[in-house]
N, C-alpha and C. Protein backbone atom coordinates (compact mmCIF):
# COMPACT_ATOMS: atom_id res chain seq x y z
N UNK A 1 184.12 83.06 49.94
CA UNK A 1 183.21 81.98 49.60
C UNK A 1 182.36 82.43 48.42
N UNK A 2 182.09 81.49 47.51
CA UNK A 2 181.25 81.73 46.34
C UNK A 2 179.91 81.06 46.56
N UNK A 3 178.85 81.82 46.32
CA UNK A 3 177.51 81.26 46.38
C UNK A 3 176.97 81.19 44.96
N UNK A 4 176.41 80.02 44.64
CA UNK A 4 175.94 79.71 43.28
C UNK A 4 174.47 79.32 43.40
N UNK A 5 173.59 80.14 42.83
CA UNK A 5 172.16 79.91 42.92
C UNK A 5 171.60 79.75 41.52
N UNK A 6 170.81 78.68 41.31
CA UNK A 6 170.21 78.42 40.01
C UNK A 6 168.72 78.13 40.19
N UNK A 7 167.90 78.69 39.32
CA UNK A 7 166.47 78.41 39.28
C UNK A 7 166.14 77.85 37.91
N UNK A 8 165.34 76.77 37.89
CA UNK A 8 164.90 76.18 36.63
C UNK A 8 163.38 76.13 36.57
N UNK A 9 162.84 76.45 35.43
CA UNK A 9 161.43 76.18 35.14
C UNK A 9 161.44 75.02 34.15
N UNK A 10 160.67 73.99 34.46
CA UNK A 10 160.71 72.75 33.70
C UNK A 10 159.55 72.63 32.71
N UNK A 11 159.78 71.83 31.69
CA UNK A 11 158.74 71.51 30.71
C UNK A 11 157.66 70.67 31.40
N UNK A 12 156.41 70.79 30.93
CA UNK A 12 155.32 69.99 31.50
C UNK A 12 155.61 68.49 31.38
N UNK A 13 156.16 68.09 30.23
CA UNK A 13 156.54 66.70 29.99
C UNK A 13 157.85 66.69 29.21
N UNK A 14 158.76 65.82 29.61
CA UNK A 14 160.04 65.68 28.92
C UNK A 14 160.64 64.33 29.28
N UNK A 15 161.27 63.72 28.31
CA UNK A 15 161.96 62.45 28.52
C UNK A 15 161.03 61.40 29.13
N UNK A 16 159.76 61.41 28.71
CA UNK A 16 158.80 60.42 29.15
C UNK A 16 158.30 60.59 30.58
N UNK A 17 158.51 61.78 31.17
CA UNK A 17 158.11 61.99 32.56
C UNK A 17 157.42 63.35 32.70
N UNK A 18 156.66 63.48 33.76
CA UNK A 18 155.98 64.74 34.06
C UNK A 18 156.96 65.75 34.67
N UNK A 19 156.54 67.00 34.75
CA UNK A 19 157.36 68.04 35.37
C UNK A 19 157.70 67.65 36.81
N UNK A 20 156.72 67.16 37.55
CA UNK A 20 156.94 66.77 38.95
C UNK A 20 157.95 65.62 39.05
N UNK A 21 157.81 64.63 38.19
CA UNK A 21 158.75 63.49 38.20
C UNK A 21 160.16 63.95 37.86
N UNK A 22 160.29 64.83 36.86
CA UNK A 22 161.61 65.32 36.48
C UNK A 22 162.20 66.22 37.56
N UNK A 23 161.37 66.99 38.25
CA UNK A 23 161.87 67.81 39.36
C UNK A 23 162.44 66.92 40.46
N UNK A 24 161.73 65.86 40.79
CA UNK A 24 162.20 64.93 41.82
C UNK A 24 163.48 64.22 41.41
N UNK A 25 163.56 63.82 40.14
CA UNK A 25 164.78 63.17 39.64
C UNK A 25 165.95 64.15 39.67
N UNK A 26 165.71 65.39 39.25
CA UNK A 26 166.77 66.39 39.26
C UNK A 26 167.28 66.63 40.69
N UNK A 27 166.39 66.68 41.64
CA UNK A 27 166.80 66.85 43.05
C UNK A 27 167.73 65.73 43.49
N UNK A 28 167.37 64.50 43.18
CA UNK A 28 168.20 63.35 43.54
C UNK A 28 169.57 63.43 42.86
N UNK A 29 169.56 63.75 41.57
CA UNK A 29 170.83 63.83 40.83
C UNK A 29 171.74 64.91 41.39
N UNK A 30 171.18 66.09 41.65
CA UNK A 30 172.00 67.19 42.18
C UNK A 30 172.54 66.87 43.56
N UNK A 31 171.70 66.33 44.42
CA UNK A 31 172.15 65.98 45.77
C UNK A 31 173.23 64.90 45.73
N UNK A 32 173.17 64.04 44.74
CA UNK A 32 174.19 63.01 44.59
C UNK A 32 175.57 63.55 44.25
N UNK A 33 175.62 64.76 43.69
CA UNK A 33 176.91 65.36 43.34
C UNK A 33 177.78 65.60 44.57
N UNK A 34 177.16 65.80 45.72
CA UNK A 34 177.90 66.04 46.97
C UNK A 34 178.81 64.88 47.32
N UNK A 35 178.44 63.70 46.90
CA UNK A 35 179.20 62.50 47.27
C UNK A 35 180.42 62.28 46.40
N UNK A 36 180.48 62.95 45.24
CA UNK A 36 181.59 62.69 44.31
C UNK A 36 182.38 63.93 43.93
N UNK A 37 181.86 65.12 44.18
CA UNK A 37 182.57 66.34 43.79
C UNK A 37 183.01 67.06 45.06
N UNK A 38 184.28 66.93 45.37
CA UNK A 38 184.81 67.45 46.63
C UNK A 38 184.79 68.97 46.75
N UNK A 39 184.69 69.67 45.64
CA UNK A 39 184.70 71.13 45.69
C UNK A 39 183.43 71.72 46.30
N UNK A 40 182.37 70.94 46.38
CA UNK A 40 181.11 71.43 46.93
C UNK A 40 181.22 71.52 48.44
N UNK A 41 181.08 72.75 48.98
CA UNK A 41 181.09 72.93 50.44
C UNK A 41 179.70 72.68 51.02
N UNK A 42 178.70 73.12 50.29
CA UNK A 42 177.31 72.96 50.73
C UNK A 42 176.43 72.99 49.49
N UNK A 43 175.37 72.16 49.51
CA UNK A 43 174.45 72.11 48.39
C UNK A 43 173.07 71.78 48.92
N UNK A 44 172.09 72.53 48.45
CA UNK A 44 170.72 72.25 48.84
C UNK A 44 169.82 72.48 47.62
N UNK A 45 168.86 71.57 47.46
CA UNK A 45 167.95 71.61 46.31
C UNK A 45 166.53 71.69 46.84
N UNK A 46 165.75 72.60 46.27
CA UNK A 46 164.36 72.73 46.66
C UNK A 46 163.44 72.59 45.46
N UNK A 47 162.31 71.93 45.68
CA UNK A 47 161.25 71.83 44.67
C UNK A 47 160.14 72.76 45.12
N UNK A 48 159.69 73.62 44.22
CA UNK A 48 158.66 74.60 44.54
C UNK A 48 157.41 73.89 45.05
N UNK A 49 157.05 74.17 46.28
CA UNK A 49 155.93 73.50 46.93
C UNK A 49 154.63 74.29 46.83
N UNK A 50 154.70 75.53 46.39
CA UNK A 50 153.52 76.38 46.36
C UNK A 50 153.24 76.83 44.94
N UNK A 51 152.82 75.90 44.11
CA UNK A 51 152.54 76.18 42.70
C UNK A 51 151.06 76.46 42.55
N UNK A 52 150.74 77.65 42.07
CA UNK A 52 149.33 78.01 41.84
C UNK A 52 148.86 77.35 40.55
N UNK A 53 147.66 76.82 40.58
CA UNK A 53 147.10 76.17 39.40
C UNK A 53 146.82 77.17 38.28
N UNK A 54 146.49 78.41 38.63
CA UNK A 54 146.08 79.39 37.64
C UNK A 54 147.24 79.97 36.83
N UNK A 55 148.44 79.95 37.36
CA UNK A 55 149.57 80.54 36.63
C UNK A 55 150.79 79.65 36.77
N UNK A 56 151.60 79.59 35.72
CA UNK A 56 152.82 78.76 35.81
C UNK A 56 153.83 79.38 36.78
N UNK A 57 154.61 78.56 37.45
CA UNK A 57 155.59 79.08 38.39
C UNK A 57 156.76 79.74 37.68
N UNK A 58 157.42 80.67 38.36
CA UNK A 58 158.64 81.25 37.82
C UNK A 58 159.75 80.21 37.80
N UNK A 59 159.73 79.31 38.81
CA UNK A 59 160.73 78.25 38.89
C UNK A 59 160.13 77.04 39.57
N UNK A 60 160.55 75.88 39.11
CA UNK A 60 160.12 74.61 39.69
C UNK A 60 161.15 74.04 40.65
N UNK A 61 162.43 74.27 40.36
CA UNK A 61 163.52 73.70 41.15
C UNK A 61 164.56 74.79 41.40
N UNK A 62 165.08 74.82 42.62
CA UNK A 62 166.16 75.75 42.94
C UNK A 62 167.37 74.98 43.47
N UNK A 63 168.53 75.52 43.17
CA UNK A 63 169.80 74.99 43.67
C UNK A 63 170.53 76.11 44.39
N UNK A 64 170.93 75.85 45.62
CA UNK A 64 171.78 76.77 46.37
C UNK A 64 173.04 75.99 46.72
N UNK A 65 174.19 76.51 46.32
CA UNK A 65 175.43 75.80 46.62
C UNK A 65 176.53 76.79 46.96
N UNK A 66 177.52 76.29 47.70
CA UNK A 66 178.64 77.11 48.15
C UNK A 66 179.96 76.45 47.78
N UNK A 67 180.94 77.30 47.41
CA UNK A 67 182.26 76.85 47.01
C UNK A 67 183.30 77.76 47.64
N UNK A 68 184.47 77.24 47.92
CA UNK A 68 185.52 78.01 48.58
C UNK A 68 186.07 79.12 47.69
N UNK A 69 186.05 78.91 46.37
CA UNK A 69 186.65 79.89 45.45
C UNK A 69 186.01 79.76 44.07
N UNK A 70 186.30 80.75 43.22
CA UNK A 70 185.84 80.68 41.83
C UNK A 70 186.43 79.44 41.14
N UNK A 71 187.67 79.10 41.47
CA UNK A 71 188.31 77.92 40.89
C UNK A 71 187.57 76.64 41.26
N UNK A 72 187.07 76.57 42.49
CA UNK A 72 186.30 75.40 42.91
C UNK A 72 184.97 75.32 42.16
N UNK A 73 184.32 76.47 41.95
CA UNK A 73 183.09 76.48 41.15
C UNK A 73 183.38 76.03 39.73
N UNK A 74 184.47 76.51 39.16
CA UNK A 74 184.85 76.11 37.79
C UNK A 74 185.12 74.60 37.72
N UNK A 75 185.82 74.06 38.72
CA UNK A 75 186.12 72.63 38.73
C UNK A 75 184.83 71.82 38.82
N UNK A 76 183.90 72.27 39.66
CA UNK A 76 182.57 71.62 39.78
C UNK A 76 181.88 71.57 38.43
N UNK A 77 181.90 72.70 37.71
CA UNK A 77 181.18 72.79 36.45
C UNK A 77 181.85 72.04 35.31
N UNK A 78 183.07 71.57 35.53
CA UNK A 78 183.78 70.76 34.53
C UNK A 78 183.80 69.28 34.89
N UNK A 79 183.32 68.93 36.07
CA UNK A 79 183.34 67.55 36.54
C UNK A 79 182.41 66.69 35.67
N UNK A 80 182.84 65.48 35.28
CA UNK A 80 182.01 64.62 34.41
C UNK A 80 180.62 64.32 34.97
N UNK A 81 180.51 64.13 36.28
CA UNK A 81 179.19 63.83 36.85
C UNK A 81 178.28 65.06 36.77
N UNK A 82 178.84 66.25 37.00
CA UNK A 82 178.07 67.48 36.84
C UNK A 82 177.59 67.60 35.39
N UNK A 83 178.47 67.31 34.44
CA UNK A 83 178.11 67.43 33.03
C UNK A 83 176.99 66.46 32.66
N UNK A 84 176.96 65.28 33.27
CA UNK A 84 175.85 64.35 33.04
C UNK A 84 174.53 64.95 33.52
N UNK A 85 174.56 65.57 34.70
CA UNK A 85 173.35 66.20 35.23
C UNK A 85 172.95 67.38 34.35
N UNK A 86 173.92 68.16 33.91
CA UNK A 86 173.64 69.31 33.04
C UNK A 86 172.99 68.87 31.74
N UNK A 87 173.41 67.74 31.20
CA UNK A 87 172.78 67.22 29.97
C UNK A 87 171.33 66.84 30.22
N UNK A 88 171.04 66.24 31.37
CA UNK A 88 169.66 65.91 31.72
C UNK A 88 168.83 67.20 31.84
N UNK A 89 169.38 68.19 32.54
CA UNK A 89 168.67 69.46 32.72
C UNK A 89 168.36 70.10 31.37
N UNK A 90 169.30 70.05 30.46
CA UNK A 90 169.11 70.64 29.13
C UNK A 90 167.87 70.08 28.45
N UNK A 91 167.57 68.81 28.68
CA UNK A 91 166.42 68.15 28.06
C UNK A 91 165.09 68.48 28.73
N UNK A 92 165.11 68.84 30.01
CA UNK A 92 163.85 68.99 30.75
C UNK A 92 163.48 70.44 31.07
N UNK A 93 164.37 71.38 30.83
CA UNK A 93 164.11 72.75 31.27
C UNK A 93 163.55 73.65 30.17
N UNK A 94 162.77 74.63 30.63
CA UNK A 94 162.32 75.71 29.76
C UNK A 94 163.23 76.92 29.95
N UNK A 95 163.50 77.26 31.21
CA UNK A 95 164.30 78.44 31.55
C UNK A 95 165.30 78.10 32.63
N UNK A 96 166.38 78.89 32.64
CA UNK A 96 167.42 78.75 33.68
C UNK A 96 167.89 80.15 34.04
N UNK A 97 167.95 80.42 35.34
CA UNK A 97 168.45 81.69 35.84
C UNK A 97 169.53 81.40 36.86
N UNK A 98 170.66 82.12 36.75
CA UNK A 98 171.80 81.86 37.62
C UNK A 98 172.29 83.16 38.24
N UNK A 99 172.67 83.08 39.52
CA UNK A 99 173.34 84.17 40.20
C UNK A 99 174.54 83.57 40.93
N UNK A 100 175.72 84.12 40.68
CA UNK A 100 176.94 83.74 41.37
C UNK A 100 177.50 84.98 42.05
N UNK A 101 177.84 84.87 43.33
CA UNK A 101 178.42 86.03 44.01
C UNK A 101 179.38 85.58 45.08
N UNK A 102 180.25 86.51 45.46
CA UNK A 102 181.30 86.24 46.45
C UNK A 102 180.97 86.96 47.74
N UNK A 103 181.15 86.24 48.86
CA UNK A 103 180.94 86.87 50.17
C UNK A 103 182.19 86.72 51.01
C-alpha cells in the first residue's frame, strides 16, 4: 500500500477569497475526488484547527490518502479531475510538502 501525505500553506488571499475560504473549498474539492477516481482507497482532508494568531502555521490543509500501488498513485495524479484541483491549489498555495511511502 502507498501512503500519500501532502501539507499546504495557503496565501492570506487568493482568487477573491480568504485563506479560510480557500481551505474549505480545497477540502470539498479533494473529498470530491473519491467519487470519481477509483484508484483512491482512502482519502482524508484536514484543515488546521489550532492556528496561533502570533505566528503563521506551517500548514493550513493536510491530505492523507492511500493507494494500492505506485501505479494507482500515478493514475490518480494524471486524472483530469485531479489536475483541475491541482490547478486551483497552484493559485492559492504558498508552500507544498509531500511524503510518499510504501507499507
